[in-house]
Amino acid sequence: MCEFKVISKEGDKERKVGEDIVYAKIIDDHVLLKDILGKAIKIHGAIIEEVDVNAEILKLISSPILIKIKRFLDACNKCDSGKVYDEKIEALWEDVKASGDEIIRKLWKKYRVSKNDL
C-alpha cells in the first residue's frame, strides 16, 4: 500500500501537514485527508498540486482565492446540471476578480520597479 507524506505550500512557505495519508479529496473549501487509521485532517483553501507515487509525496497549494474559485465553479456546474441560469454566479465571479485584483495590487506595491529606480 502507498501512504503519502503531505506538504502544504502557501506562497514560498512549505509545511508538513500529514503522514501515512491514504485518501485525499477536495470538499467545499478544503482538502480532506485521511491517514491509515482513518484520522481526518482538513486543509482549508487548498487544492492538490502534485502527486508523486514514487516519492510518496502529495503536495497541496493553499490560497484564499482558491475557495472563491471553487465556489464559482460549483455554481457553474449547478447551473449546467440543473439547466437553469442563476445570477448568483455573476456575484461569485466578481468576488474572484476582486480577490485577483487585490493580489495583483499587493504584488505591484511590493515589487514594482519605477523608472526612477532604473
PDB file of N, CA and C in Angstrom:
ATOM      1  N   MET A   1       0.842  -1.172   0.000  1.00  0.00           N
ATOM      2  CA  MET A   1       0.000   0.000   0.000  1.00  0.00           C
ATOM      3  C   MET A   1       0.890   1.238   0.000  1.00  0.00           C
ATOM      4  N   CYS A   2       0.394   2.316  -0.576  1.00  0.00           N
ATOM      5  CA  CYS A   2       1.175   3.543  -0.706  1.00  0.00           C
ATOM      6  C   CYS A   2       0.597   4.616   0.216  1.00  0.00           C
ATOM      7  N   GLU A   3       1.377   5.047   1.175  1.00  0.00           N
ATOM      8  CA  GLU A   3       0.966   6.124   2.075  1.00  0.00           C
ATOM      9  C   GLU A   3       1.789   7.356   1.743  1.00  0.00           C
ATOM     10  N   PHE A   4       1.160   8.516   1.810  1.00  0.00           N
ATOM     11  CA  PHE A   4       1.808   9.759   1.421  1.00  0.00           C
ATOM     12  C   PHE A   4       2.160  10.635   2.610  1.00  0.00           C
ATOM     13  N   LYS A   5       3.261  11.339   2.459  1.00  0.00           N
ATOM     14  CA  LYS A   5       3.569  12.475   3.317  1.00  0.00           C
ATOM     15  C   LYS A   5       2.971  13.665   2.572  1.00  0.00           C
ATOM     16  N   VAL A   6       2.238  14.519   3.290  1.00  0.00           N
ATOM     17  CA  VAL A   6       1.559  15.640   2.641  1.00  0.00           C
ATOM     18  C   VAL A   6       2.214  16.946   3.052  1.00  0.00           C
ATOM     19  N   ILE A   7       2.573  17.721   2.025  1.00  0.00           N
ATOM     20  CA  ILE A   7       3.193  19.029   2.204  1.00  0.00           C
ATOM     21  C   ILE A   7       2.211  20.081   1.697  1.00  0.00           C
ATOM     22  N   SER A   8       1.973  21.126   2.499  1.00  0.00           N
ATOM     23  CA  SER A   8       1.125  22.235   2.084  1.00  0.00           C
ATOM     24  C   SER A   8       1.999  23.451   1.841  1.00  0.00           C
ATOM     25  N   LYS A   9       1.788  24.077   0.693  1.00  0.00           N
ATOM     26  CA  LYS A   9       2.578  25.233   0.293  1.00  0.00           C
ATOM     27  C   LYS A   9       1.666  26.453   0.213  1.00  0.00           C
ATOM     28  N   GLU A  10       2.080  27.533   0.883  1.00  0.00           N
ATOM     29  CA  GLU A  10       1.366  28.808   0.785  1.00  0.00           C
ATOM     30  C   GLU A  10       2.416  29.877   0.554  1.00  0.00           C
ATOM     31  N   GLY A  11       2.369  30.486  -0.634  1.00  0.00           N
ATOM     32  CA  GLY A  11       3.438  31.405  -1.011  1.00  0.00           C
ATOM     33  C   GLY A  11       4.726  30.628  -1.156  1.00  0.00           C
ATOM     34  N   ASP A  12       5.782  31.104  -0.493  1.00  0.00           N
ATOM     35  CA  ASP A  12       7.063  30.396  -0.571  1.00  0.00           C
ATOM     36  C   ASP A  12       7.323  29.536   0.658  1.00  0.00           C
ATOM     37  N   LYS A  13       6.304  29.364   1.502  1.00  0.00           N
ATOM     38  CA  LYS A  13       6.451  28.572   2.726  1.00  0.00           C
ATOM     39  C   LYS A  13       5.820  27.193   2.540  1.00  0.00           C
ATOM     40  N   GLU A  14       6.541  26.165   2.996  1.00  0.00           N
ATOM     41  CA  GLU A  14       6.034  24.795   2.966  1.00  0.00           C
ATOM     42  C   GLU A  14       6.010  24.243   4.382  1.00  0.00           C
ATOM     43  N   ARG A  15       4.984  23.414   4.655  1.00  0.00           N
ATOM     44  CA  ARG A  15       4.938  22.738   5.953  1.00  0.00           C
ATOM     45  C   ARG A  15       4.303  21.369   5.771  1.00  0.00           C
ATOM     46  N   LYS A  16       4.782  20.424   6.568  1.00  0.00           N
ATOM     47  CA  LYS A  16       4.223  19.075   6.542  1.00  0.00           C
ATOM     48  C   LYS A  16       2.906  19.100   7.314  1.00  0.00           C
ATOM     49  N   VAL A  17       1.829  18.593   6.702  1.00  0.00           N
ATOM     50  CA  VAL A  17       0.515  18.610   7.346  1.00  0.00           C
ATOM     51  C   VAL A  17      -0.036  17.213   7.610  1.00  0.00           C
ATOM     52  N   GLY A  18       0.636  16.188   7.105  1.00  0.00           N
ATOM     53  CA  GLY A  18       0.152  14.837   7.337  1.00  0.00           C
ATOM     54  C   GLY A  18       1.155  13.783   6.916  1.00  0.00           C
ATOM     55  N   GLU A  19       1.020  12.607   7.533  1.00  0.00           N
ATOM     56  CA  GLU A  19       1.846  11.445   7.204  1.00  0.00           C
ATOM     57  C   GLU A  19       0.946  10.231   7.117  1.00  0.00           C
ATOM     58  N   ASP A  20       1.394   9.235   6.394  1.00  0.00           N
ATOM     59  CA  ASP A  20       0.648   7.987   6.237  1.00  0.00           C
ATOM     60  C   ASP A  20      -0.758   8.241   5.691  1.00  0.00           C
ATOM     61  N   ILE A  21      -0.874   9.179   4.754  1.00  0.00           N
ATOM     62  CA  ILE A  21      -2.155   9.557   4.159  1.00  0.00           C
ATOM     63  C   ILE A  21      -2.482   8.594   3.010  1.00  0.00           C
ATOM     64  N   VAL A  22      -3.700   8.068   3.035  1.00  0.00           N
ATOM     65  CA  VAL A  22      -4.135   7.120   2.007  1.00  0.00           C
ATOM     66  C   VAL A  22      -5.343   7.629   1.211  1.00  0.00           C
ATOM     67  N   TYR A  23      -5.879   8.811   1.605  1.00  0.00           N
ATOM     68  CA  TYR A  23      -7.091   9.331   0.960  1.00  0.00           C
ATOM     69  C   TYR A  23      -7.001  10.851   0.926  1.00  0.00           C
ATOM     70  N   ALA A  24      -7.355  11.435  -0.221  1.00  0.00           N
ATOM     71  CA  ALA A  24      -7.413  12.891  -0.357  1.00  0.00           C
ATOM     72  C   ALA A  24      -8.555  13.256  -1.293  1.00  0.00           C
ATOM     73  N   LYS A  25      -9.357  14.244  -0.875  1.00  0.00           N
ATOM     74  CA  LYS A  25     -10.479  14.688  -1.700  1.00  0.00           C
ATOM     75  C   LYS A  25     -10.744  16.159  -1.423  1.00  0.00           C
ATOM     76  N   ILE A  26     -11.021  16.926  -2.492  1.00  0.00           N
ATOM     77  CA  ILE A  26     -11.406  18.320  -2.332  1.00  0.00           C
ATOM     78  C   ILE A  26     -12.900  18.357  -2.034  1.00  0.00           C
ATOM     79  N   ILE A  27     -13.249  18.959  -0.892  1.00  0.00           N
ATOM     80  CA  ILE A  27     -14.645  19.081  -0.473  1.00  0.00           C
ATOM     81  C   ILE A  27     -14.885  20.529  -0.057  1.00  0.00           C
ATOM     82  N   ASP A  28     -15.833  21.174  -0.706  1.00  0.00           N
ATOM     83  CA  ASP A  28     -16.178  22.566  -0.394  1.00  0.00           C
ATOM     84  C   ASP A  28     -14.940  23.454  -0.362  1.00  0.00           C
ATOM     85  N   ASP A  29     -14.561  23.913   0.826  1.00  0.00           N
ATOM     86  CA  ASP A  29     -13.464  24.881   0.953  1.00  0.00           C
ATOM     87  C   ASP A  29     -12.177  24.264   1.484  1.00  0.00           C
ATOM     88  N   HIS A  30     -12.057  22.939   1.424  1.00  0.00           N
ATOM     89  CA  HIS A  30     -10.873  22.293   1.988  1.00  0.00           C
ATOM     90  C   HIS A  30     -10.532  20.982   1.261  1.00  0.00           C
ATOM     91  N   VAL A  31      -9.311  20.516   1.520  1.00  0.00           N
ATOM     92  CA  VAL A  31      -8.916  19.169   1.103  1.00  0.00           C
ATOM     93  C   VAL A  31      -9.044  18.300   2.343  1.00  0.00           C
ATOM     94  N   LEU A  32      -9.753  17.208   2.201  1.00  0.00           N
ATOM     95  CA  LEU A  32      -9.906  16.250   3.285  1.00  0.00           C
ATOM     96  C   LEU A  32      -8.874  15.144   3.083  1.00  0.00           C
ATOM     97  N   LEU A  33      -8.050  14.942   4.112  1.00  0.00           N
ATOM     98  CA  LEU A  33      -7.047  13.883   4.100  1.00  0.00           C
ATOM     99  C   LEU A  33      -7.419  12.863   5.158  1.00  0.00           C
ATOM    100  N   LYS A  34      -7.136  11.595   4.892  1.00  0.00           N
ATOM    101  CA  LYS A  34      -7.327  10.548   5.897  1.00  0.00           C
ATOM    102  C   LYS A  34      -6.074   9.690   5.929  1.00  0.00           C
ATOM    103  N   ASP A  35      -5.635   9.378   7.161  1.00  0.00           N
ATOM    104  CA  ASP A  35      -4.451   8.529   7.292  1.00  0.00           C
ATOM    105  C   ASP A  35      -4.858   7.060   7.375  1.00  0.00           C
ATOM    106  N   ILE A  36      -3.883   6.178   7.529  1.00  0.00           N
ATOM    107  CA  ILE A  36      -4.167   4.736   7.513  1.00  0.00           C
ATOM    108  C   ILE A  36      -5.052   4.289   8.669  1.00  0.00           C
ATOM    109  N   LEU A  37      -5.136   5.095   9.722  1.00  0.00           N
ATOM    110  CA  LEU A  37      -6.010   4.769  10.855  1.00  0.00           C
ATOM    111  C   LEU A  37      -7.390   5.406  10.728  1.00  0.00           C
ATOM    112  N   GLY A  38      -7.619   6.171   9.659  1.00  0.00           N
ATOM    113  CA  GLY A  38      -8.915   6.813   9.444  1.00  0.00           C
ATOM    114  C   GLY A  38      -9.023   8.203  10.032  1.00  0.00           C
ATOM    115  N   LYS A  39      -7.967   8.705  10.642  1.00  0.00           N
ATOM    116  CA  LYS A  39      -7.982  10.059  11.206  1.00  0.00           C
ATOM    117  C   LYS A  39      -8.075  11.076  10.069  1.00  0.00           C
ATOM    118  N   ALA A  40      -9.010  12.027  10.195  1.00  0.00           N
ATOM    119  CA  ALA A  40      -9.241  13.028   9.160  1.00  0.00           C
ATOM    120  C   ALA A  40      -8.505  14.327   9.486  1.00  0.00           C
ATOM    121  N   ILE A  41      -7.967  14.935   8.443  1.00  0.00           N
ATOM    122  CA  ILE A  41      -7.308  16.236   8.539  1.00  0.00           C
ATOM    123  C   ILE A  41      -7.903  17.107   7.436  1.00  0.00           C
ATOM    124  N   LYS A  42      -8.314  18.333   7.794  1.00  0.00           N
ATOM    125  CA  LYS A  42      -8.840  19.274   6.808  1.00  0.00           C
ATOM    126  C   LYS A  42      -7.830  20.394   6.590  1.00  0.00           C
ATOM    127  N   ILE A  43      -7.521  20.656   5.312  1.00  0.00           N
ATOM    128  CA  ILE A  43      -6.640  21.744   4.946  1.00  0.00           C
ATOM    129  C   ILE A  43      -7.485  22.744   4.147  1.00  0.00           C
ATOM    130  N   HIS A  44      -7.818  23.866   4.783  1.00  0.00           N
ATOM    131  CA  HIS A  44      -8.711  24.853   4.175  1.00  0.00           C
ATOM    132  C   HIS A  44      -8.009  25.673   3.095  1.00  0.00           C
ATOM    133  N   GLY A  45      -8.768  26.006   2.056  1.00  0.00           N
ATOM    134  CA  GLY A  45      -8.265  26.849   0.979  1.00  0.00           C
ATOM    135  C   GLY A  45      -7.157  26.218   0.168  1.00  0.00           C
ATOM    136  N   ALA A  46      -7.179  24.900   0.028  1.00  0.00           N
ATOM    137  CA  ALA A  46      -6.096  24.204  -0.666  1.00  0.00           C
ATOM    138  C   ALA A  46      -6.632  23.377  -1.830  1.00  0.00           C
ATOM    139  N   ILE A  47      -5.741  23.110  -2.768  1.00  0.00           N
ATOM    140  CA  ILE A  47      -6.007  22.155  -3.845  1.00  0.00           C
ATOM    141  C   ILE A  47      -4.770  21.274  -3.980  1.00  0.00           C
ATOM    142  N   ILE A  48      -4.934  20.162  -4.644  1.00  0.00           N
ATOM    143  CA  ILE A  48      -3.828  19.242  -4.854  1.00  0.00           C
ATOM    144  C   ILE A  48      -2.985  19.762  -6.017  1.00  0.00           C
ATOM    145  N   GLU A  49      -1.698  19.962  -5.744  1.00  0.00           N
ATOM    146  CA  GLU A  49      -0.785  20.472  -6.759  1.00  0.00           C
ATOM    147  C   GLU A  49      -0.006  19.338  -7.440  1.00  0.00           C
ATOM    148  N   GLU A  50       0.407  18.331  -6.654  1.00  0.00           N
ATOM    149  CA  GLU A  50       1.246  17.273  -7.208  1.00  0.00           C
ATOM    150  C   GLU A  50       1.062  15.985  -6.417  1.00  0.00           C
ATOM    151  N   VAL A  51       1.038  14.874  -7.129  1.00  0.00           N
ATOM    152  CA  VAL A  51       1.041  13.553  -6.518  1.00  0.00           C
ATOM    153  C   VAL A  51       2.239  12.802  -7.097  1.00  0.00           C
ATOM    154  N   ASP A  52       3.171  12.420  -6.232  1.00  0.00           N
ATOM    155  CA  ASP A  52       4.361  11.686  -6.655  1.00  0.00           C
ATOM    156  C   ASP A  52       4.363  10.339  -5.928  1.00  0.00           C
ATOM    157  N   VAL A  53       3.871   9.314  -6.606  1.00  0.00           N
ATOM    158  CA  VAL A  53       3.744   7.990  -6.005  1.00  0.00           C
ATOM    159  C   VAL A  53       5.116   7.413  -5.668  1.00  0.00           C
ATOM    160  N   ASN A  54       6.081   7.592  -6.549  1.00  0.00           N
ATOM    161  CA  ASN A  54       7.421   7.044  -6.299  1.00  0.00           C
ATOM    162  C   ASN A  54       8.049   7.628  -5.040  1.00  0.00           C
ATOM    163  N   ALA A  55       7.896   8.934  -4.828  1.00  0.00           N
ATOM    164  CA  ALA A  55       8.462   9.584  -3.643  1.00  0.00           C
ATOM    165  C   ALA A  55       7.492   9.555  -2.461  1.00  0.00           C
ATOM    166  N   GLU A  56       6.257   9.081  -2.705  1.00  0.00           N
ATOM    167  CA  GLU A  56       5.202   9.031  -1.683  1.00  0.00           C
ATOM    168  C   GLU A  56       4.942  10.404  -1.070  1.00  0.00           C
ATOM    169  N   ILE A  57       4.867  11.409  -1.956  1.00  0.00           N
ATOM    170  CA  ILE A  57       4.608  12.788  -1.528  1.00  0.00           C
ATOM    171  C   ILE A  57       3.385  13.316  -2.264  1.00  0.00           C
ATOM    172  N   LEU A  58       2.516  13.973  -1.522  1.00  0.00           N
ATOM    173  CA  LEU A  58       1.363  14.668  -2.067  1.00  0.00           C
ATOM    174  C   LEU A  58       1.539  16.126  -1.669  1.00  0.00           C
ATOM    175  N   LYS A  59       1.560  17.024  -2.662  1.00  0.00           N
ATOM    176  CA  LYS A  59       1.734  18.441  -2.380  1.00  0.00           C
ATOM    177  C   LYS A  59       0.429  19.178  -2.600  1.00  0.00           C
ATOM    178  N   LEU A  60       0.113  20.043  -1.645  1.00  0.00           N
ATOM    179  CA  LEU A  60      -1.053  20.912  -1.731  1.00  0.00           C
ATOM    180  C   LEU A  60      -0.564  22.339  -1.904  1.00  0.00           C
ATOM    181  N   ILE A  61      -1.382  23.166  -2.515  1.00  0.00           N
ATOM    182  CA  ILE A  61      -1.102  24.593  -2.588  1.00  0.00           C
ATOM    183  C   ILE A  61      -2.308  25.304  -2.000  1.00  0.00           C
ATOM    184  N   SER A  62      -2.044  26.301  -1.141  1.00  0.00           N
ATOM    185  CA  SER A  62      -3.119  26.994  -0.427  1.00  0.00           C
ATOM    186  C   SER A  62      -3.144  28.475  -0.769  1.00  0.00           C
ATOM    187  N   SER A  63      -4.343  29.009  -0.913  1.00  0.00           N
ATOM    188  CA  SER A  63      -4.554  30.433  -1.130  1.00  0.00           C
ATOM    189  C   SER A  63      -6.033  30.728  -0.914  1.00  0.00           C
ATOM    190  N   PRO A  64      -6.345  31.841  -0.262  1.00  0.00           N
ATOM    191  CA  PRO A  64      -7.756  32.186  -0.041  1.00  0.00           C
ATOM    192  C   PRO A  64      -8.566  32.308  -1.336  1.00  0.00           C
ATOM    193  N   ILE A  65      -7.925  32.682  -2.437  1.00  0.00           N
ATOM    194  CA  ILE A  65      -8.662  32.833  -3.694  1.00  0.00           C
ATOM    195  C   ILE A  65      -9.184  31.492  -4.211  1.00  0.00           C
ATOM    196  N   LEU A  66      -8.525  30.401  -3.832  1.00  0.00           N
ATOM    197  CA  LEU A  66      -8.942  29.081  -4.304  1.00  0.00           C
ATOM    198  C   LEU A  66     -10.343  28.721  -3.824  1.00  0.00           C
ATOM    199  N   ILE A  67     -10.673  29.116  -2.605  1.00  0.00           N
ATOM    200  CA  ILE A  67     -12.018  28.853  -2.083  1.00  0.00           C
ATOM    201  C   ILE A  67     -13.056  29.558  -2.951  1.00  0.00           C
ATOM    202  N   LYS A  68     -12.761  30.798  -3.312  1.00  0.00           N
ATOM    203  CA  LYS A  68     -13.702  31.578  -4.130  1.00  0.00           C
ATOM    204  C   LYS A  68     -13.839  30.992  -5.531  1.00  0.00           C
ATOM    205  N   ILE A  69     -12.730  30.538  -6.102  1.00  0.00           N
ATOM    206  CA  ILE A  69     -12.781  29.914  -7.423  1.00  0.00           C
ATOM    207  C   ILE A  69     -13.605  28.628  -7.366  1.00  0.00           C
ATOM    208  N   LYS A  70     -13.408  27.831  -6.329  1.00  0.00           N
ATOM    209  CA  LYS A  70     -14.163  26.576  -6.175  1.00  0.00           C
ATOM    210  C   LYS A  70     -15.659  26.858  -6.054  1.00  0.00           C
ATOM    211  N   ARG A  71     -16.042  27.876  -5.277  1.00  0.00           N
ATOM    212  CA  ARG A  71     -17.469  28.225  -5.145  1.00  0.00           C
ATOM    213  C   ARG A  71     -18.054  28.640  -6.493  1.00  0.00           C
ATOM    214  N   PHE A  72     -17.287  29.420  -7.248  1.00  0.00           N
ATOM    215  CA  PHE A  72     -17.738  29.847  -8.573  1.00  0.00           C
ATOM    216  C   PHE A  72     -17.944  28.645  -9.491  1.00  0.00           C
ATOM    217  N   LEU A  73     -16.958  27.735  -9.520  1.00  0.00           N
ATOM    218  CA  LEU A  73     -17.065  26.559 -10.382  1.00  0.00           C
ATOM    219  C   LEU A  73     -18.215  25.652  -9.967  1.00  0.00           C
ATOM    220  N   ASP A  74     -18.416  25.491  -8.661  1.00  0.00           N
ATOM    221  CA  ASP A  74     -19.542  24.689  -8.177  1.00  0.00           C
ATOM    222  C   ASP A  74     -20.870  25.286  -8.632  1.00  0.00           C
ATOM    223  N   ALA A  75     -20.986  26.617  -8.568  1.00  0.00           N
ATOM    224  CA  ALA A  75     -22.221  27.277  -9.001  1.00  0.00           C
ATOM    225  C   ALA A  75     -22.431  27.115 -10.506  1.00  0.00           C
ATOM    226  N   CYS A  76     -21.353  27.203 -11.284  1.00  0.00           N
ATOM    227  CA  CYS A  76     -21.452  26.993 -12.738  1.00  0.00           C
ATOM    228  C   CYS A  76     -21.915  25.570 -13.047  1.00  0.00           C
ATOM    229  N   ASN A  77     -21.323  24.600 -12.355  1.00  0.00           N
ATOM    230  CA  ASN A  77     -21.726  23.196 -12.561  1.00  0.00           C
ATOM    231  C   ASN A  77     -23.175  22.972 -12.172  1.00  0.00           C
ATOM    232  N   LYS A  78     -23.617  23.635 -11.109  1.00  0.00           N
ATOM    233  CA  LYS A  78     -25.020  23.506 -10.688  1.00  0.00           C
ATOM    234  C   LYS A  78     -25.954  24.066 -11.765  1.00  0.00           C
ATOM    235  N   CYS A  79     -25.577  25.197 -12.370  1.00  0.00           N
ATOM    236  CA  CYS A  79     -26.376  25.754 -13.469  1.00  0.00           C
ATOM    237  C   CYS A  79     -26.444  24.772 -14.630  1.00  0.00           C
ATOM    238  N   ASP A  80     -25.286  24.207 -14.978  1.00  0.00           N
ATOM    239  CA  ASP A  80     -25.250  23.257 -16.088  1.00  0.00           C
ATOM    240  C   ASP A  80     -26.074  22.014 -15.800  1.00  0.00           C
ATOM    241  N   SER A  81     -25.901  21.448 -14.624  1.00  0.00           N
ATOM    242  CA  SER A  81     -26.617  20.204 -14.321  1.00  0.00           C
ATOM    243  C   SER A  81     -28.117  20.442 -14.166  1.00  0.00           C
ATOM    244  N   GLY A  82     -28.495  21.606 -13.648  1.00  0.00           N
ATOM    245  CA  GLY A  82     -29.912  21.915 -13.496  1.00  0.00           C
ATOM    246  C   GLY A  82     -30.535  22.567 -14.713  1.00  0.00           C
ATOM    247  N   LYS A  83     -29.673  22.909 -15.689  1.00  0.00           N
ATOM    248  CA  LYS A  83     -30.112  23.571 -16.921  1.00  0.00           C
ATOM    249  C   LYS A  83     -30.893  24.849 -16.637  1.00  0.00           C
ATOM    250  N   VAL A  84     -30.453  25.566 -15.560  1.00  0.00           N
ATOM    251  CA  VAL A  84     -31.092  26.821 -15.163  1.00  0.00           C
ATOM    252  C   VAL A  84     -29.994  27.815 -14.802  1.00  0.00           C
ATOM    253  N   TYR A  85     -30.088  29.031 -15.370  1.00  0.00           N
ATOM    254  CA  TYR A  85     -29.110  30.067 -15.065  1.00  0.00           C
ATOM    255  C   TYR A  85     -29.413  30.681 -13.702  1.00  0.00           C
ATOM    256  N   ASP A  86     -28.376  30.879 -12.914  1.00  0.00           N
ATOM    257  CA  ASP A  86     -28.510  31.505 -11.601  1.00  0.00           C
ATOM    258  C   ASP A  86     -27.605  32.733 -11.578  1.00  0.00           C
ATOM    259  N   GLU A  87     -28.193  33.900 -11.363  1.00  0.00           N
ATOM    260  CA  GLU A  87     -27.419  35.143 -11.361  1.00  0.00           C
ATOM    261  C   GLU A  87     -26.378  35.175 -10.245  1.00  0.00           C
ATOM    262  N   LYS A  88     -26.475  34.257  -9.301  1.00  0.00           N
ATOM    263  CA  LYS A  88     -25.501  34.164  -8.217  1.00  0.00           C
ATOM    264  C   LYS A  88     -24.079  33.981  -8.762  1.00  0.00           C
ATOM    265  N   ILE A  89     -23.954  33.324  -9.907  1.00  0.00           N
ATOM    266  CA  ILE A  89     -22.615  33.091 -10.448  1.00  0.00           C
ATOM    267  C   ILE A  89     -21.920  34.397 -10.812  1.00  0.00           C
ATOM    268  N   GLU A  90     -22.693  35.413 -11.182  1.00  0.00           N
ATOM    269  CA  GLU A  90     -22.094  36.705 -11.523  1.00  0.00           C
ATOM    270  C   GLU A  90     -21.435  37.331 -10.292  1.00  0.00           C
ATOM    271  N   ALA A  91     -22.104  37.283  -9.159  1.00  0.00           N
ATOM    272  CA  ALA A  91     -21.535  37.821  -7.922  1.00  0.00           C
ATOM    273  C   ALA A  91     -20.320  37.012  -7.479  1.00  0.00           C
ATOM    274  N   LEU A  92     -20.389  35.696  -7.643  1.00  0.00           N
ATOM    275  CA  LEU A  92     -19.252  34.850  -7.286  1.00  0.00           C
ATOM    276  C   LEU A  92     -18.047  35.167  -8.169  1.00  0.00           C
ATOM    277  N   TRP A  93     -18.290  35.401  -9.468  1.00  0.00           N
ATOM    278  CA  TRP A  93     -17.202  35.738 -10.369  1.00  0.00           C
ATOM    279  C   TRP A  93     -16.601  37.102 -10.010  1.00  0.00           C
ATOM    280  N   GLU A  94     -17.438  38.057  -9.668  1.00  0.00           N
ATOM    281  CA  GLU A  94     -16.936  39.377  -9.259  1.00  0.00           C
ATOM    282  C   GLU A  94     -16.061  39.252  -8.016  1.00  0.00           C
ATOM    283  N   ASP A  95     -16.429  38.356  -7.115  1.00  0.00           N
ATOM    284  CA  ASP A  95     -15.636  38.117  -5.906  1.00  0.00           C
ATOM    285  C   ASP A  95     -14.266  37.529  -6.263  1.00  0.00           C
ATOM    286  N   VAL A  96     -14.241  36.599  -7.217  1.00  0.00           N
ATOM    287  CA  VAL A  96     -12.969  36.026  -7.677  1.00  0.00           C
ATOM    288  C   VAL A  96     -12.098  37.124  -8.283  1.00  0.00           C
ATOM    289  N   LYS A  97     -12.688  37.940  -9.161  1.00  0.00           N
ATOM    290  CA  LYS A  97     -11.924  39.004  -9.808  1.00  0.00           C
ATOM    291  C   LYS A  97     -11.395  40.012  -8.792  1.00  0.00           C
ATOM    292  N   ALA A  98     -12.215  40.367  -7.806  1.00  0.00           N
ATOM    293  CA  ALA A  98     -11.778  41.321  -6.782  1.00  0.00           C
ATOM    294  C   ALA A  98     -10.598  40.761  -5.987  1.00  0.00           C
ATOM    295  N   SER A  99     -10.652  39.481  -5.676  1.00  0.00           N
ATOM    296  CA  SER A  99      -9.535  38.855  -4.960  1.00  0.00           C
ATOM    297  C   SER A  99      -8.272  38.845  -5.813  1.00  0.00           C
ATOM    298  N   GLY A 100      -8.426  38.551  -7.088  1.00  0.00           N
ATOM    299  CA  GLY A 100      -7.287  38.575  -8.002  1.00  0.00           C
ATOM    300  C   GLY A 100      -6.691  39.972  -8.113  1.00  0.00           C
ATOM    301  N   ASP A 101      -7.562  40.970  -8.208  1.00  0.00           N
ATOM    302  CA  ASP A 101      -7.087  42.354  -8.270  1.00  0.00           C
ATOM    303  C   ASP A 101      -6.321  42.734  -7.009  1.00  0.00           C
ATOM    304  N   GLU A 102      -6.799  42.278  -5.862  1.00  0.00           N
ATOM    305  CA  GLU A 102      -6.126  42.572  -4.588  1.00  0.00           C
ATOM    306  C   GLU A 102      -4.730  41.932  -4.547  1.00  0.00           C
ATOM    307  N   ILE A 103      -4.634  40.707  -5.013  1.00  0.00           N
ATOM    308  CA  ILE A 103      -3.342  40.025  -5.057  1.00  0.00           C
ATOM    309  C   ILE A 103      -2.374  40.791  -5.960  1.00  0.00           C
ATOM    310  N   ILE A 104      -2.848  41.208  -7.120  1.00  0.00           N
ATOM    311  CA  ILE A 104      -2.004  41.953  -8.058  1.00  0.00           C
ATOM    312  C   ILE A 104      -1.548  43.275  -7.454  1.00  0.00           C
ATOM    313  N   ARG A 105      -2.474  44.001  -6.788  1.00  0.00           N
ATOM    314  CA  ARG A 105      -2.102  45.276  -6.150  1.00  0.00           C
ATOM    315  C   ARG A 105      -1.014  45.075  -5.104  1.00  0.00           C
ATOM    316  N   LYS A 106      -1.143  44.037  -4.289  1.00  0.00           N
ATOM    317  CA  LYS A 106      -0.127  43.766  -3.264  1.00  0.00           C
ATOM    318  C   LYS A 106       1.225  43.471  -3.893  1.00  0.00           C
ATOM    319  N   LEU A 107       1.239  42.660  -4.943  1.00  0.00           N
ATOM    320  CA  LEU A 107       2.486  42.346  -5.625  1.00  0.00           C
ATOM    321  C   LEU A 107       3.088  43.583  -6.282  1.00  0.00           C
ATOM    322  N   TRP A 108       2.233  44.400  -6.875  1.00  0.00           N
ATOM    323  CA  TRP A 108       2.683  45.618  -7.529  1.00  0.00           C
ATOM    324  C   TRP A 108       3.345  46.552  -6.517  1.00  0.00           C
ATOM    325  N   LYS A 109       2.690  46.743  -5.366  1.00  0.00           N
ATOM    326  CA  LYS A 109       3.257  47.611  -4.329  1.00  0.00           C
ATOM    327  C   LYS A 109       4.569  47.058  -3.792  1.00  0.00           C
ATOM    328  N   LYS A 110       4.642  45.749  -3.679  1.00  0.00           N
ATOM    329  CA  LYS A 110       5.806  45.113  -3.078  1.00  0.00           C
ATOM    330  C   LYS A 110       7.008  45.045  -4.032  1.00  0.00           C
ATOM    331  N   TYR A 111       6.762  44.800  -5.314  1.00  0.00           N
ATOM    332  CA  TYR A 111       7.857  44.505  -6.229  1.00  0.00           C
ATOM    333  C   TYR A 111       7.993  45.437  -7.429  1.00  0.00           C
ATOM    334  N   ARG A 112       7.128  46.400  -7.539  1.00  0.00           N
ATOM    335  CA  ARG A 112       7.167  47.293  -8.711  1.00  0.00           C
ATOM    336  C   ARG A 112       8.490  48.048  -8.743  1.00  0.00           C
ATOM    337  N   VAL A 113       9.058  48.133  -9.930  1.00  0.00           N
ATOM    338  CA  VAL A 113      10.271  48.916 -10.143  1.00  0.00           C
ATOM    339  C   VAL A 113       9.872  50.162 -10.921  1.00  0.00           C
ATOM    340  N   SER A 114      10.102  51.304 -10.328  1.00  0.00           N
ATOM    341  CA  SER A 114       9.756  52.542 -11.036  1.00  0.00           C
ATOM    342  C   SER A 114      10.853  52.896 -12.031  1.00  0.00           C
ATOM    343  N   LYS A 115      10.535  53.765 -12.970  1.00  0.00           N
ATOM    344  CA  LYS A 115      11.510  54.198 -13.984  1.00  0.00           C
ATOM    345  C   LYS A 115      12.671  54.920 -13.311  1.00  0.00           C
ATOM    346  N   ASN A 116      12.428  55.552 -12.172  1.00  0.00           N
ATOM    347  CA  ASN A 116      13.493  56.265 -11.458  1.00  0.00           C
ATOM    348  C   ASN A 116      14.504  55.294 -10.856  1.00  0.00           C
ATOM    349  N   ASP A 117      14.062  54.060 -10.596  1.00  0.00           N
ATOM    350  CA  ASP A 117      14.955  53.068  -9.991  1.00  0.00           C
ATOM    351  C   ASP A 117      15.913  52.462 -11.022  1.00  0.00           C
ATOM    352  N   LEU A 118      15.603  52.633 -12.301  1.00  0.00           N
ATOM    353  CA  LEU A 118      16.431  52.005 -13.349  1.00  0.00           C
ATOM    354  C   LEU A 118      17.654  52.795 -13.666  1.00  0.00           C
TER     355      LEU A 118
END
